[in-house]
Amino acid sequence: MSAYVKGRRLEYKIMALLKEEYGCDIVARTAKSHSVFDVVGIDTKYRVIRFVQCKAGKRQYLSKDEREKLEKLKGLFAVLPFLTVKNGKFWELKQL
């Protein structure tokens, strides 16, 4: 399985997680955008935006540059940046 397919599969899992566990009513991928986040979830009830960087490979951490770019978004909006982390066989979101 290619890295792209693994990453895309994870992004869809995270989209479902954002809807089901985090109550986001608007969820989207930024497919092939090479942006600082891969998935965005918006909870219109509580007015919270979650930007998620997905890491499907063994490297489940952000570079300094990636982290700084996500952190800058916190000051612009009521944004909660997240990184995906595998816990056993389940994926979780780790707030930065």
N, C-alpha and C. Protein backbone atom coordinates (compact mmCIF):
# COMPACT_ATOMS: atom_id res chain seq x y z
N MET A 1 0.85 -1.18 0.00
CA MET A 1 0.00 0.00 0.00
C MET A 1 0.90 1.24 0.00
N SER A 2 0.58 2.18 -0.85
CA SER A 2 1.41 3.38 -0.96
C SER A 2 1.20 4.30 0.24
N ALA A 3 2.16 5.19 0.44
CA ALA A 3 2.06 6.16 1.53
C ALA A 3 0.84 7.05 1.34
N TYR A 4 0.56 7.41 0.08
CA TYR A 4 -0.61 8.26 -0.20
C TYR A 4 -1.90 7.56 0.23
N VAL A 5 -2.03 6.29 -0.12
CA VAL A 5 -3.24 5.53 0.22
C VAL A 5 -3.37 5.39 1.74
N LYS A 6 -2.27 5.12 2.44
CA LYS A 6 -2.30 5.02 3.90
C LYS A 6 -2.72 6.35 4.51
N GLY A 7 -2.16 7.43 4.00
CA GLY A 7 -2.50 8.76 4.51
C GLY A 7 -3.95 9.12 4.26
N ARG A 8 -4.43 8.83 3.06
CA ARG A 8 -5.82 9.12 2.71
C ARG A 8 -6.78 8.32 3.59
N ARG A 9 -6.45 7.05 3.80
CA ARG A 9 -7.28 6.19 4.64
C ARG A 9 -7.37 6.75 6.07
N LEU A 10 -6.23 7.19 6.59
CA LEU A 10 -6.21 7.79 7.93
C LEU A 10 -7.04 9.07 7.97
N GLU A 11 -6.93 9.89 6.94
CA GLU A 11 -7.69 11.13 6.90
C GLU A 11 -9.20 10.87 6.97
N TYR A 12 -9.67 9.84 6.26
CA TYR A 12 -11.09 9.51 6.32
C TYR A 12 -11.49 8.99 7.70
N LYS A 13 -10.61 8.24 8.35
CA LYS A 13 -10.89 7.78 9.71
C LYS A 13 -10.99 8.98 10.66
N ILE A 14 -10.10 9.94 10.49
CA ILE A 14 -10.10 11.12 11.35
C ILE A 14 -11.33 11.98 11.08
N MET A 15 -11.77 12.05 9.84
CA MET A 15 -12.98 12.79 9.53
C MET A 15 -14.18 12.18 10.27
N ALA A 16 -14.27 10.86 10.28
CA ALA A 16 -15.36 10.19 11.00
C ALA A 16 -15.24 10.45 12.50
N LEU A 17 -14.02 10.41 13.02
CA LEU A 17 -13.77 10.67 14.44
C LEU A 17 -14.22 12.08 14.83
N LEU A 18 -13.89 13.05 13.99
CA LEU A 18 -14.28 14.43 14.26
C LEU A 18 -15.80 14.59 14.30
N LYS A 19 -16.49 13.88 13.42
CA LYS A 19 -17.96 13.95 13.40
C LYS A 19 -18.56 13.25 14.60
N GLU A 20 -18.12 12.01 14.83
CA GLU A 20 -18.76 11.16 15.83
C GLU A 20 -18.34 11.48 17.26
N GLU A 21 -17.06 11.72 17.49
CA GLU A 21 -16.55 11.91 18.86
C GLU A 21 -16.41 13.37 19.27
N TYR A 22 -16.16 14.24 18.30
CA TYR A 22 -15.92 15.65 18.63
C TYR A 22 -17.08 16.56 18.24
N GLY A 23 -18.13 16.01 17.64
CA GLY A 23 -19.32 16.78 17.32
C GLY A 23 -19.19 17.81 16.22
N CYS A 24 -18.19 17.64 15.37
CA CYS A 24 -18.02 18.59 14.27
C CYS A 24 -19.08 18.35 13.21
N ASP A 25 -19.78 19.39 12.82
CA ASP A 25 -20.80 19.23 11.80
C ASP A 25 -20.29 19.58 10.40
N ILE A 26 -19.13 20.17 10.31
CA ILE A 26 -18.48 20.42 9.01
C ILE A 26 -17.09 19.82 9.09
N VAL A 27 -16.80 18.90 8.17
CA VAL A 27 -15.51 18.22 8.16
C VAL A 27 -15.04 18.09 6.71
N ALA A 28 -13.76 18.38 6.48
CA ALA A 28 -13.24 18.31 5.12
C ALA A 28 -11.75 17.96 5.11
N ARG A 29 -11.33 17.35 4.02
CA ARG A 29 -9.91 17.07 3.78
C ARG A 29 -9.35 18.19 2.92
N THR A 30 -8.07 18.43 3.07
CA THR A 30 -7.37 19.36 2.19
C THR A 30 -6.47 18.54 1.27
N ALA A 31 -7.08 17.63 0.54
CA ALA A 31 -6.36 16.65 -0.27
C ALA A 31 -5.36 17.29 -1.22
N LYS A 32 -4.13 16.80 -1.17
CA LYS A 32 -3.03 17.21 -2.04
C LYS A 32 -2.75 18.71 -2.00
N SER A 33 -3.13 19.37 -0.93
CA SER A 33 -2.92 20.82 -0.85
C SER A 33 -1.54 21.17 -0.33
N HIS A 34 -0.88 20.21 0.34
CA HIS A 34 0.42 20.44 0.98
C HIS A 34 0.34 21.57 2.00
N SER A 35 -0.85 21.71 2.61
CA SER A 35 -1.02 22.74 3.63
C SER A 35 -0.53 22.21 4.98
N VAL A 36 -0.58 23.05 5.98
CA VAL A 36 -0.09 22.69 7.31
C VAL A 36 -1.03 21.70 7.99
N PHE A 37 -2.27 21.57 7.53
CA PHE A 37 -3.19 20.59 8.09
C PHE A 37 -3.81 19.76 6.98
N ASP A 38 -4.23 18.54 7.34
CA ASP A 38 -4.80 17.61 6.37
C ASP A 38 -6.33 17.56 6.45
N VAL A 39 -6.85 17.76 7.65
CA VAL A 39 -8.29 17.68 7.88
C VAL A 39 -8.71 18.86 8.75
N VAL A 40 -9.87 19.42 8.44
CA VAL A 40 -10.43 20.49 9.27
C VAL A 40 -11.82 20.05 9.72
N GLY A 41 -12.08 20.28 11.00
CA GLY A 41 -13.40 19.99 11.56
C GLY A 41 -13.93 21.23 12.23
N ILE A 42 -15.16 21.59 11.92
CA ILE A 42 -15.77 22.79 12.48
C ILE A 42 -17.00 22.40 13.28
N ASP A 43 -17.01 22.83 14.52
CA ASP A 43 -18.15 22.62 15.41
C ASP A 43 -18.87 23.96 15.50
N THR A 44 -19.97 24.10 14.76
CA THR A 44 -20.66 25.38 14.71
C THR A 44 -21.41 25.68 16.01
N LYS A 45 -21.77 24.65 16.75
CA LYS A 45 -22.48 24.85 18.02
C LYS A 45 -21.59 25.58 19.03
N TYR A 46 -20.34 25.10 19.18
CA TYR A 46 -19.41 25.69 20.14
C TYR A 46 -18.41 26.64 19.49
N ARG A 47 -18.53 26.84 18.17
CA ARG A 47 -17.70 27.76 17.42
C ARG A 47 -16.21 27.45 17.57
N VAL A 48 -15.88 26.17 17.33
CA VAL A 48 -14.50 25.71 17.44
C VAL A 48 -14.08 25.10 16.11
N ILE A 49 -12.87 25.45 15.69
CA ILE A 49 -12.28 24.89 14.48
C ILE A 49 -11.11 24.01 14.90
N ARG A 50 -11.07 22.79 14.38
CA ARG A 50 -9.97 21.88 14.67
C ARG A 50 -9.20 21.60 13.39
N PHE A 51 -7.93 21.95 13.38
CA PHE A 51 -7.06 21.65 12.26
C PHE A 51 -6.21 20.44 12.66
N VAL A 52 -6.20 19.41 11.83
CA VAL A 52 -5.51 18.18 12.17
C VAL A 52 -4.46 17.85 11.12
N GLN A 53 -3.25 17.62 11.57
CA GLN A 53 -2.17 17.12 10.72
C GLN A 53 -2.11 15.62 10.96
N CYS A 54 -2.29 14.82 9.92
CA CYS A 54 -2.32 13.36 10.02
C CYS A 54 -0.96 12.78 9.65
N LYS A 55 -0.48 11.89 10.47
CA LYS A 55 0.78 11.20 10.22
C LYS A 55 0.50 9.70 10.29
N ALA A 56 0.42 9.05 9.14
CA ALA A 56 0.07 7.63 9.08
C ALA A 56 1.29 6.73 9.22
N GLY A 57 2.47 7.27 9.01
CA GLY A 57 3.68 6.45 9.07
C GLY A 57 4.22 6.32 10.48
N LYS A 58 5.43 5.86 10.56
CA LYS A 58 6.07 5.67 11.86
C LYS A 58 6.40 7.01 12.53
N ARG A 59 6.60 8.04 11.74
CA ARG A 59 6.95 9.36 12.28
C ARG A 59 5.68 10.09 12.71
N GLN A 60 5.33 9.97 13.98
CA GLN A 60 4.12 10.60 14.48
C GLN A 60 4.45 11.83 15.31
N TYR A 61 5.20 12.72 14.72
CA TYR A 61 5.52 13.98 15.38
C TYR A 61 5.61 15.05 14.31
N LEU A 62 5.55 16.28 14.73
CA LEU A 62 5.62 17.41 13.81
C LEU A 62 7.01 18.00 13.82
N SER A 63 7.44 18.47 12.66
CA SER A 63 8.70 19.20 12.61
C SER A 63 8.48 20.55 13.30
N LYS A 64 9.55 21.23 13.61
CA LYS A 64 9.46 22.54 14.25
C LYS A 64 8.66 23.50 13.37
N ASP A 65 8.90 23.46 12.07
CA ASP A 65 8.21 24.34 11.14
C ASP A 65 6.71 24.03 11.09
N GLU A 66 6.36 22.74 11.03
CA GLU A 66 4.95 22.34 11.01
C GLU A 66 4.24 22.80 12.29
N ARG A 67 4.88 22.57 13.41
CA ARG A 67 4.30 22.96 14.69
C ARG A 67 4.09 24.47 14.76
N GLU A 68 5.09 25.25 14.33
CA GLU A 68 4.98 26.71 14.37
C GLU A 68 3.83 27.21 13.49
N LYS A 69 3.68 26.61 12.31
CA LYS A 69 2.60 27.01 11.41
C LYS A 69 1.24 26.73 12.02
N LEU A 70 1.09 25.56 12.64
CA LEU A 70 -0.19 25.25 13.29
C LEU A 70 -0.43 26.15 14.50
N GLU A 71 0.62 26.41 15.26
CA GLU A 71 0.48 27.26 16.45
C GLU A 71 0.04 28.68 16.06
N LYS A 72 0.50 29.19 14.92
CA LYS A 72 0.11 30.53 14.47
C LYS A 72 -1.39 30.63 14.23
N LEU A 73 -2.01 29.53 13.85
CA LEU A 73 -3.45 29.54 13.58
C LEU A 73 -4.26 29.77 14.86
N LYS A 74 -3.70 29.39 16.01
CA LYS A 74 -4.42 29.57 17.27
C LYS A 74 -4.70 31.04 17.54
N GLY A 75 -3.80 31.92 17.15
CA GLY A 75 -3.99 33.34 17.41
C GLY A 75 -4.98 34.01 16.47
N LEU A 76 -5.26 33.38 15.34
CA LEU A 76 -6.15 33.98 14.35
C LEU A 76 -7.62 33.62 14.58
N PHE A 77 -7.85 32.42 15.09
CA PHE A 77 -9.20 31.91 15.30
C PHE A 77 -9.24 31.22 16.66
N ALA A 78 -10.42 30.78 17.05
CA ALA A 78 -10.52 29.90 18.22
C ALA A 78 -10.21 28.50 17.70
N VAL A 79 -8.93 28.26 17.46
CA VAL A 79 -8.49 27.04 16.78
C VAL A 79 -7.81 26.11 17.76
N LEU A 80 -8.09 24.82 17.62
CA LEU A 80 -7.42 23.80 18.40
C LEU A 80 -6.66 22.90 17.42
N PRO A 81 -5.34 23.02 17.33
CA PRO A 81 -4.58 22.17 16.42
C PRO A 81 -4.31 20.80 17.03
N PHE A 82 -4.36 19.78 16.18
CA PHE A 82 -4.19 18.41 16.63
C PHE A 82 -3.23 17.65 15.73
N LEU A 83 -2.68 16.57 16.28
CA LEU A 83 -1.87 15.60 15.56
C LEU A 83 -2.50 14.25 15.80
N THR A 84 -2.54 13.40 14.76
CA THR A 84 -3.04 12.05 14.95
C THR A 84 -1.97 11.19 15.60
N VAL A 85 -2.39 10.33 16.53
CA VAL A 85 -1.48 9.44 17.24
C VAL A 85 -2.14 8.08 17.32
N LYS A 86 -1.41 7.03 17.00
CA LYS A 86 -1.95 5.68 17.08
C LYS A 86 -1.73 5.15 18.49
N ASN A 87 -2.81 4.69 19.10
CA ASN A 87 -2.78 4.11 20.44
C ASN A 87 -3.25 2.67 20.30
N GLY A 88 -2.30 1.74 20.18
CA GLY A 88 -2.67 0.36 19.91
C GLY A 88 -3.23 0.26 18.51
N LYS A 89 -4.48 -0.19 18.40
CA LYS A 89 -5.09 -0.28 17.07
C LYS A 89 -6.03 0.88 16.77
N PHE A 90 -6.13 1.84 17.70
CA PHE A 90 -7.03 2.98 17.53
C PHE A 90 -6.25 4.27 17.27
N TRP A 91 -6.87 5.15 16.52
CA TRP A 91 -6.29 6.47 16.27
C TRP A 91 -6.93 7.47 17.22
N GLU A 92 -6.12 8.38 17.73
CA GLU A 92 -6.57 9.43 18.63
C GLU A 92 -6.05 10.76 18.12
N LEU A 93 -6.66 11.82 18.61
CA LEU A 93 -6.18 13.16 18.32
C LEU A 93 -5.48 13.69 19.55
N LYS A 94 -4.26 14.17 19.36
CA LYS A 94 -3.49 14.75 20.47
C LYS A 94 -3.45 16.26 20.24
N GLN A 95 -4.03 16.99 21.19
CA GLN A 95 -4.04 18.45 21.06
C GLN A 95 -2.64 18.98 21.31
N LEU A 96 -2.23 19.91 20.47
CA LEU A 96 -0.89 20.49 20.61
C LEU A 96 -0.89 21.61 21.63
